Amino acid sequence: MNDAWPEMVDGWELARSQGRETYRMRLANNVTVFAIWEAAAGAGRVKARVGSSGLGRELTCSRVDFRDREAFWTAAWCVVEMAANLPLFEGAAESSADSLVRERVAGCVEVDAESLTFTLVSGRRMTVVLSGEQAADLSRGIEAAGRAAVSS
């Protein structure tokens, strides 16, 4: 089954239809998160379902529509973070979403305010986007590891 969506935006698959933007993120644990923005109404909602097609059991859904895009996207990313930490659901095969990548980094790591970009030895480039809090945690962890390495 070819399930390709027409566009990719910030890691989300996007399909547009008659004033509606439907964003989909399929996770490796067989959970699919949908973020649906109705442009004409200026409102959006977020939901997560079991199954890569999004037709399975609903795990969570926003109880009210979000009236501004910032709150909408904050909620969407919160649902992705929550869903990404769930185990693979029993009886489900791992979804077609990219899973764990374990490969050596070739050369330097590009560091931006909230992202790290690696070039892997296969030539594939990978960018990891972090929230401000995650970037601060990473920075503290690197500093602590550096101090431990110097003292030993």
N, C-alpha and C. Protein backbone atom coordinates (compact mmCIF):
# COMPACT_ATOMS: atom_id res chain seq x y z
N MET A 1 0.84 -1.18 0.00
CA MET A 1 0.00 0.00 0.00
C MET A 1 0.88 1.24 0.00
N ASN A 2 0.70 2.14 -0.95
CA ASN A 2 1.43 3.39 -0.98
C ASN A 2 0.65 4.40 -0.16
N ASP A 3 1.21 4.75 0.98
CA ASP A 3 0.53 5.63 1.93
C ASP A 3 1.23 6.99 2.00
N ALA A 4 1.90 7.38 0.93
CA ALA A 4 2.66 8.63 0.94
C ALA A 4 1.73 9.84 1.01
N TRP A 5 2.10 10.79 1.85
CA TRP A 5 1.36 12.04 1.94
C TRP A 5 2.12 13.07 1.13
N PRO A 6 1.43 14.09 0.62
CA PRO A 6 2.04 15.00 -0.34
C PRO A 6 3.20 15.86 0.18
N GLU A 7 3.20 16.22 1.45
CA GLU A 7 4.22 17.14 1.96
C GLU A 7 4.78 16.66 3.29
N MET A 8 5.97 17.16 3.62
CA MET A 8 6.57 16.96 4.94
C MET A 8 6.83 18.34 5.53
N VAL A 9 6.43 18.55 6.79
CA VAL A 9 6.63 19.81 7.48
C VAL A 9 7.13 19.51 8.89
N ASP A 10 8.36 19.88 9.17
CA ASP A 10 8.94 19.74 10.51
C ASP A 10 8.76 18.32 11.07
N GLY A 11 8.96 17.32 10.21
CA GLY A 11 8.85 15.93 10.64
C GLY A 11 7.44 15.35 10.56
N TRP A 12 6.45 16.16 10.23
CA TRP A 12 5.06 15.72 10.11
C TRP A 12 4.73 15.53 8.63
N GLU A 13 3.96 14.49 8.32
CA GLU A 13 3.38 14.35 6.99
C GLU A 13 2.17 15.29 6.94
N LEU A 14 1.96 15.94 5.82
CA LEU A 14 0.89 16.93 5.70
C LEU A 14 0.07 16.69 4.45
N ALA A 15 -1.25 16.68 4.63
CA ALA A 15 -2.19 16.64 3.51
C ALA A 15 -3.13 17.83 3.68
N ARG A 16 -3.34 18.58 2.61
CA ARG A 16 -4.23 19.74 2.64
C ARG A 16 -5.47 19.44 1.80
N SER A 17 -6.63 19.86 2.33
CA SER A 17 -7.86 19.64 1.59
C SER A 17 -8.91 20.63 2.05
N GLN A 18 -9.37 21.48 1.15
CA GLN A 18 -10.49 22.40 1.39
C GLN A 18 -10.40 23.13 2.73
N GLY A 19 -9.29 23.83 2.95
CA GLY A 19 -9.13 24.62 4.17
C GLY A 19 -8.73 23.82 5.39
N ARG A 20 -8.49 22.54 5.23
CA ARG A 20 -8.08 21.69 6.35
C ARG A 20 -6.63 21.23 6.12
N GLU A 21 -5.83 21.34 7.17
CA GLU A 21 -4.47 20.82 7.15
C GLU A 21 -4.44 19.63 8.11
N THR A 22 -4.16 18.45 7.59
CA THR A 22 -4.08 17.25 8.42
C THR A 22 -2.62 16.83 8.49
N TYR A 23 -2.07 16.90 9.69
CA TYR A 23 -0.69 16.51 9.94
C TYR A 23 -0.69 15.13 10.58
N ARG A 24 0.25 14.29 10.19
CA ARG A 24 0.33 12.94 10.73
C ARG A 24 1.78 12.62 11.05
N MET A 25 2.00 12.04 12.24
CA MET A 25 3.32 11.55 12.61
C MET A 25 3.18 10.10 13.07
N ARG A 26 3.81 9.20 12.31
CA ARG A 26 3.78 7.77 12.65
C ARG A 26 5.02 7.43 13.45
N LEU A 27 4.81 6.83 14.60
CA LEU A 27 5.91 6.50 15.50
C LEU A 27 6.27 5.02 15.39
N ALA A 28 7.48 4.68 15.77
CA ALA A 28 7.97 3.31 15.64
C ALA A 28 7.22 2.33 16.53
N ASN A 29 6.53 2.81 17.57
CA ASN A 29 5.81 1.91 18.48
C ASN A 29 4.38 1.64 18.01
N ASN A 30 4.09 1.96 16.76
CA ASN A 30 2.79 1.69 16.15
C ASN A 30 1.69 2.64 16.63
N VAL A 31 2.09 3.84 17.03
CA VAL A 31 1.15 4.90 17.39
C VAL A 31 1.22 5.97 16.31
N THR A 32 0.08 6.50 15.92
CA THR A 32 0.02 7.59 14.96
C THR A 32 -0.63 8.78 15.63
N VAL A 33 0.02 9.94 15.53
CA VAL A 33 -0.51 11.18 16.09
C VAL A 33 -1.00 12.04 14.94
N PHE A 34 -2.22 12.56 15.09
CA PHE A 34 -2.81 13.46 14.10
C PHE A 34 -2.99 14.83 14.72
N ALA A 35 -2.67 15.86 13.96
CA ALA A 35 -2.94 17.24 14.35
C ALA A 35 -3.69 17.85 13.18
N ILE A 36 -4.94 18.24 13.41
CA ILE A 36 -5.81 18.70 12.33
C ILE A 36 -6.16 20.16 12.57
N TRP A 37 -5.78 21.03 11.62
CA TRP A 37 -6.04 22.46 11.72
C TRP A 37 -7.06 22.86 10.66
N GLU A 38 -8.18 23.43 11.12
CA GLU A 38 -9.22 23.94 10.22
C GLU A 38 -8.96 25.42 10.04
N ALA A 39 -8.39 25.80 8.89
CA ALA A 39 -7.98 27.18 8.66
C ALA A 39 -9.15 28.16 8.71
N ALA A 40 -10.27 27.81 8.09
CA ALA A 40 -11.42 28.72 8.05
C ALA A 40 -11.95 29.01 9.45
N ALA A 41 -11.99 28.01 10.29
CA ALA A 41 -12.50 28.17 11.66
C ALA A 41 -11.43 28.69 12.61
N GLY A 42 -10.16 28.61 12.20
CA GLY A 42 -9.07 29.02 13.07
C GLY A 42 -8.99 28.15 14.32
N ALA A 43 -9.19 26.84 14.13
CA ALA A 43 -9.21 25.92 15.27
C ALA A 43 -8.56 24.60 14.88
N GLY A 44 -8.02 23.92 15.89
CA GLY A 44 -7.38 22.64 15.62
C GLY A 44 -7.59 21.68 16.76
N ARG A 45 -7.35 20.40 16.48
CA ARG A 45 -7.46 19.35 17.50
C ARG A 45 -6.35 18.33 17.26
N VAL A 46 -6.06 17.58 18.31
CA VAL A 46 -4.96 16.62 18.28
C VAL A 46 -5.48 15.28 18.79
N LYS A 47 -5.04 14.18 18.17
CA LYS A 47 -5.41 12.86 18.67
C LYS A 47 -4.30 11.87 18.36
N ALA A 48 -4.28 10.79 19.13
CA ALA A 48 -3.32 9.70 18.91
C ALA A 48 -4.08 8.40 18.87
N ARG A 49 -3.70 7.54 17.92
CA ARG A 49 -4.36 6.24 17.75
C ARG A 49 -3.30 5.16 17.60
N VAL A 50 -3.67 3.94 17.98
CA VAL A 50 -2.81 2.78 17.75
C VAL A 50 -2.95 2.40 16.28
N GLY A 51 -1.83 2.11 15.64
CA GLY A 51 -1.85 1.68 14.24
C GLY A 51 -1.25 2.73 13.34
N SER A 52 -0.41 2.31 12.40
CA SER A 52 0.27 3.27 11.53
C SER A 52 -0.69 3.97 10.58
N SER A 53 -1.83 3.36 10.29
CA SER A 53 -2.81 4.01 9.41
C SER A 53 -3.68 4.98 10.19
N GLY A 54 -3.65 4.89 11.51
CA GLY A 54 -4.46 5.77 12.35
C GLY A 54 -5.89 5.33 12.49
N LEU A 55 -6.20 4.10 12.09
CA LEU A 55 -7.58 3.62 12.17
C LEU A 55 -7.85 2.79 13.42
N GLY A 56 -6.83 2.56 14.23
CA GLY A 56 -6.98 1.71 15.41
C GLY A 56 -7.59 2.44 16.59
N ARG A 57 -7.43 1.83 17.77
CA ARG A 57 -7.99 2.36 19.01
C ARG A 57 -7.44 3.74 19.33
N GLU A 58 -8.33 4.64 19.72
CA GLU A 58 -7.91 5.99 20.08
C GLU A 58 -7.30 5.99 21.47
N LEU A 59 -6.11 6.57 21.59
CA LEU A 59 -5.42 6.66 22.88
C LEU A 59 -5.75 7.95 23.60
N THR A 60 -5.79 9.04 22.85
CA THR A 60 -6.09 10.34 23.44
C THR A 60 -6.61 11.27 22.35
N CYS A 61 -7.38 12.25 22.78
CA CYS A 61 -7.93 13.23 21.84
C CYS A 61 -8.16 14.53 22.60
N SER A 62 -7.88 15.67 21.96
CA SER A 62 -8.14 16.94 22.63
C SER A 62 -9.64 17.07 22.88
N ARG A 63 -9.98 17.54 24.07
CA ARG A 63 -11.39 17.63 24.45
C ARG A 63 -12.07 18.85 23.86
N VAL A 64 -11.29 19.88 23.57
CA VAL A 64 -11.82 21.09 22.94
C VAL A 64 -10.89 21.47 21.80
N ASP A 65 -11.39 22.29 20.90
CA ASP A 65 -10.54 22.78 19.81
C ASP A 65 -9.60 23.85 20.33
N PHE A 66 -8.38 23.85 19.80
CA PHE A 66 -7.42 24.90 20.11
C PHE A 66 -7.69 26.08 19.20
N ARG A 67 -7.71 27.28 19.75
CA ARG A 67 -8.05 28.47 18.98
C ARG A 67 -6.84 29.26 18.50
N ASP A 68 -5.65 28.90 18.93
CA ASP A 68 -4.48 29.56 18.36
C ASP A 68 -3.45 28.50 18.00
N ARG A 69 -2.68 28.78 16.96
CA ARG A 69 -1.75 27.78 16.43
C ARG A 69 -0.64 27.43 17.41
N GLU A 70 -0.21 28.38 18.23
CA GLU A 70 0.87 28.08 19.18
C GLU A 70 0.41 27.03 20.20
N ALA A 71 -0.77 27.21 20.75
CA ALA A 71 -1.31 26.23 21.71
C ALA A 71 -1.55 24.89 21.02
N PHE A 72 -2.04 24.94 19.80
CA PHE A 72 -2.28 23.73 19.00
C PHE A 72 -0.99 22.93 18.82
N TRP A 73 0.09 23.60 18.39
CA TRP A 73 1.35 22.91 18.17
C TRP A 73 2.01 22.46 19.47
N THR A 74 1.85 23.24 20.53
CA THR A 74 2.36 22.81 21.84
C THR A 74 1.69 21.50 22.24
N ALA A 75 0.38 21.43 22.09
CA ALA A 75 -0.35 20.21 22.43
C ALA A 75 0.07 19.05 21.52
N ALA A 76 0.22 19.32 20.23
CA ALA A 76 0.60 18.26 19.30
C ALA A 76 1.95 17.66 19.67
N TRP A 77 2.92 18.50 19.98
CA TRP A 77 4.24 18.00 20.35
C TRP A 77 4.20 17.28 21.69
N CYS A 78 3.38 17.75 22.62
CA CYS A 78 3.23 17.04 23.91
C CYS A 78 2.68 15.63 23.70
N VAL A 79 1.71 15.50 22.81
CA VAL A 79 1.13 14.18 22.52
C VAL A 79 2.19 13.29 21.86
N VAL A 80 2.98 13.85 20.94
CA VAL A 80 4.05 13.06 20.31
C VAL A 80 5.03 12.57 21.37
N GLU A 81 5.45 13.46 22.27
CA GLU A 81 6.41 13.06 23.30
C GLU A 81 5.83 11.99 24.22
N MET A 82 4.57 12.14 24.59
CA MET A 82 3.91 11.13 25.43
C MET A 82 3.82 9.80 24.68
N ALA A 83 3.37 9.85 23.45
CA ALA A 83 3.17 8.63 22.67
C ALA A 83 4.49 7.94 22.35
N ALA A 84 5.54 8.71 22.11
CA ALA A 84 6.83 8.12 21.77
C ALA A 84 7.40 7.30 22.92
N ASN A 85 6.99 7.60 24.13
CA ASN A 85 7.49 6.88 25.30
C ASN A 85 6.65 5.67 25.67
N LEU A 86 5.60 5.39 24.91
CA LEU A 86 4.78 4.19 25.16
C LEU A 86 5.48 2.98 24.56
N PRO A 87 5.24 1.80 25.11
CA PRO A 87 5.85 0.59 24.53
C PRO A 87 5.16 0.23 23.22
N LEU A 88 5.77 -0.68 22.48
CA LEU A 88 5.15 -1.23 21.28
C LEU A 88 3.91 -1.99 21.73
N PHE A 89 2.77 -1.71 21.12
CA PHE A 89 1.54 -2.34 21.56
C PHE A 89 1.52 -3.81 21.20
N GLU A 90 1.05 -4.64 22.14
CA GLU A 90 1.02 -6.09 21.98
C GLU A 90 0.25 -6.47 20.72
N GLY A 91 0.80 -7.42 20.01
CA GLY A 91 0.14 -7.90 18.80
C GLY A 91 0.39 -7.02 17.60
N ALA A 92 1.09 -5.93 17.81
CA ALA A 92 1.34 -5.02 16.69
C ALA A 92 2.75 -5.23 16.17
N ALA A 93 2.88 -5.13 14.87
CA ALA A 93 4.21 -5.15 14.27
C ALA A 93 4.75 -3.73 14.31
N GLU A 94 6.05 -3.62 14.39
CA GLU A 94 6.64 -2.28 14.40
C GLU A 94 6.23 -1.56 13.13
N SER A 95 5.91 -0.28 13.27
CA SER A 95 5.40 0.48 12.13
C SER A 95 6.50 0.77 11.13
N SER A 96 6.12 1.36 10.02
CA SER A 96 7.08 1.70 8.99
C SER A 96 7.87 2.96 9.32
N ALA A 97 7.56 3.61 10.43
CA ALA A 97 8.33 4.79 10.84
C ALA A 97 9.75 4.36 11.17
N ASP A 98 10.69 5.26 10.89
CA ASP A 98 12.09 4.94 11.17
C ASP A 98 12.27 4.62 12.64
N SER A 99 13.02 3.56 12.89
CA SER A 99 13.28 3.12 14.25
C SER A 99 14.66 3.59 14.67
N LEU A 100 15.20 2.96 15.68
CA LEU A 100 16.50 3.30 16.22
C LEU A 100 17.57 3.25 15.14
N VAL A 101 18.38 4.29 15.09
CA VAL A 101 19.51 4.33 14.18
C VAL A 101 20.76 4.24 15.05
N ARG A 102 21.56 3.24 14.80
CA ARG A 102 22.80 3.08 15.55
C ARG A 102 23.92 2.98 14.53
N GLU A 103 24.66 4.08 14.42
CA GLU A 103 25.70 4.16 13.42
C GLU A 103 26.72 5.20 13.87
N ARG A 104 27.97 5.01 13.49
CA ARG A 104 29.02 5.97 13.86
C ARG A 104 28.79 7.31 13.17
N VAL A 105 29.18 8.37 13.89
CA VAL A 105 29.13 9.72 13.34
C VAL A 105 30.45 9.98 12.64
N ALA A 106 30.38 10.52 11.43
CA ALA A 106 31.57 10.86 10.67
C ALA A 106 31.84 12.35 10.81
N GLY A 107 33.00 12.70 11.30
CA GLY A 107 33.37 14.12 11.39
C GLY A 107 32.72 14.83 12.55
N CYS A 108 32.50 16.11 12.35
CA CYS A 108 32.01 16.99 13.41
C CYS A 108 30.49 16.94 13.54
N VAL A 109 30.03 17.39 14.69
CA VAL A 109 28.60 17.54 14.95
C VAL A 109 28.27 19.01 14.82
N GLU A 110 27.27 19.35 14.02
CA GLU A 110 26.82 20.74 13.90
C GLU A 110 25.85 21.02 15.03
N VAL A 111 26.11 22.10 15.76
CA VAL A 111 25.30 22.44 16.92
C VAL A 111 24.62 23.78 16.67
N ASP A 112 23.30 23.80 16.77
CA ASP A 112 22.52 25.03 16.74
C ASP A 112 21.88 25.19 18.10
N ALA A 113 21.13 26.27 18.30
CA ALA A 113 20.55 26.56 19.61
C ALA A 113 19.77 25.38 20.17
N GLU A 114 18.96 24.73 19.36
CA GLU A 114 18.14 23.63 19.87
C GLU A 114 18.17 22.41 18.96
N SER A 115 19.28 22.21 18.25
CA SER A 115 19.37 21.02 17.41
C SER A 115 20.82 20.59 17.24
N LEU A 116 20.98 19.32 16.95
CA LEU A 116 22.28 18.72 16.65
C LEU A 116 22.13 18.03 15.30
N THR A 117 23.09 18.25 14.41
CA THR A 117 23.06 17.58 13.11
C THR A 117 24.32 16.75 12.97
N PHE A 118 24.12 15.47 12.65
CA PHE A 118 25.21 14.52 12.50
C PHE A 118 25.26 14.05 11.06
N THR A 119 26.46 13.81 10.55
CA THR A 119 26.62 13.07 9.31
C THR A 119 27.12 11.70 9.71
N LEU A 120 26.38 10.68 9.32
CA LEU A 120 26.73 9.31 9.69
C LEU A 120 27.69 8.72 8.65
N VAL A 121 28.40 7.66 9.02
CA VAL A 121 29.38 7.08 8.10
C VAL A 121 28.73 6.57 6.81
N SER A 122 27.45 6.31 6.83
CA SER A 122 26.74 5.89 5.62
C SER A 122 26.49 7.06 4.68
N GLY A 123 26.76 8.28 5.17
CA GLY A 123 26.49 9.48 4.38
C GLY A 123 25.15 10.11 4.70
N ARG A 124 24.34 9.40 5.44
CA ARG A 124 23.01 9.91 5.84
C ARG A 124 23.19 11.02 6.87
N ARG A 125 22.43 12.11 6.74
CA ARG A 125 22.46 13.19 7.72
C ARG A 125 21.24 13.07 8.61
N MET A 126 21.45 13.35 9.87
CA MET A 126 20.36 13.23 10.84
C MET A 126 20.39 14.46 11.74
N THR A 127 19.23 15.09 11.91
CA THR A 127 19.11 16.23 12.81
C THR A 127 18.19 15.84 13.95
N VAL A 128 18.65 16.12 15.16
CA VAL A 128 17.87 15.89 16.37
C VAL A 128 17.46 17.25 16.90
N VAL A 129 16.16 17.50 16.99
CA VAL A 129 15.64 18.79 17.47
C VAL A 129 15.27 18.63 18.93
N LEU A 130 15.77 19.55 19.76
CA LEU A 130 15.56 19.49 21.20
C LEU A 130 14.76 20.70 21.66
N SER A 131 13.97 20.52 22.70
CA SER A 131 13.33 21.67 23.34
C SER A 131 14.41 22.40 24.13
N GLY A 132 14.12 23.60 24.58
CA GLY A 132 15.08 24.36 25.38
C GLY A 132 15.50 23.59 26.63
N GLU A 133 14.53 22.96 27.28
CA GLU A 133 14.82 22.19 28.50
C GLU A 133 15.69 20.97 28.18
N GLN A 134 15.41 20.30 27.07
CA GLN A 134 16.21 19.14 26.69
C GLN A 134 17.64 19.56 26.33
N ALA A 135 17.79 20.71 25.65
CA ALA A 135 19.12 21.21 25.30
C ALA A 135 19.91 21.54 26.57
N ALA A 136 19.25 22.14 27.56
CA ALA A 136 19.92 22.45 28.83
C ALA A 136 20.33 21.17 29.55
N ASP A 137 19.46 20.16 29.56
CA ASP A 137 19.79 18.86 30.18
C ASP A 137 21.00 18.23 29.50
N LEU A 138 21.03 18.28 28.17
CA LEU A 138 22.14 17.72 27.42
C LEU A 138 23.43 18.46 27.75
N SER A 139 23.36 19.78 27.79
CA SER A 139 24.54 20.59 28.11
C SER A 139 25.08 20.25 29.50
N ARG A 140 24.19 20.15 30.49
CA ARG A 140 24.62 19.80 31.85
C ARG A 140 25.23 18.40 31.88
N GLY A 141 24.64 17.46 31.15
CA GLY A 141 25.16 16.10 31.10
C GLY A 141 26.55 16.04 30.48
N ILE A 142 26.76 16.80 29.42
CA ILE A 142 28.07 16.83 28.77
C ILE A 142 29.11 17.45 29.70
N GLU A 143 28.74 18.54 30.38
CA GLU A 143 29.66 19.18 31.33
C GLU A 143 30.03 18.22 32.45
N ALA A 144 29.06 17.49 33.00
CA ALA A 144 29.33 16.54 34.08
C ALA A 144 30.22 15.41 33.58
N ALA A 145 29.97 14.91 32.38
CA ALA A 145 30.80 13.84 31.82
C ALA A 145 32.22 14.33 31.59
N GLY A 146 32.36 15.58 31.14
CA GLY A 146 33.68 16.16 30.93
C GLY A 146 34.45 16.29 32.23
N ARG A 147 33.78 16.75 33.29
CA ARG A 147 34.43 16.87 34.61
C ARG A 147 34.85 15.50 35.12
N ALA A 148 33.99 14.49 34.93
CA ALA A 148 34.30 13.14 35.39
C ALA A 148 35.50 12.57 34.63
N ALA A 149 35.59 12.85 33.33
CA ALA A 149 36.70 12.35 32.52
C ALA A 149 38.01 13.01 32.93
N VAL A 150 37.98 14.30 33.26
CA VAL A 150 39.18 15.03 33.66
C VAL A 150 39.68 14.55 35.01
N SER A 151 38.77 14.26 35.93
CA SER A 151 39.16 13.86 37.28
C SER A 151 39.64 12.41 37.36
N SER A 152 39.40 11.61 36.34
CA SER A 152 39.82 10.20 36.40
C SER A 152 41.13 9.95 35.72
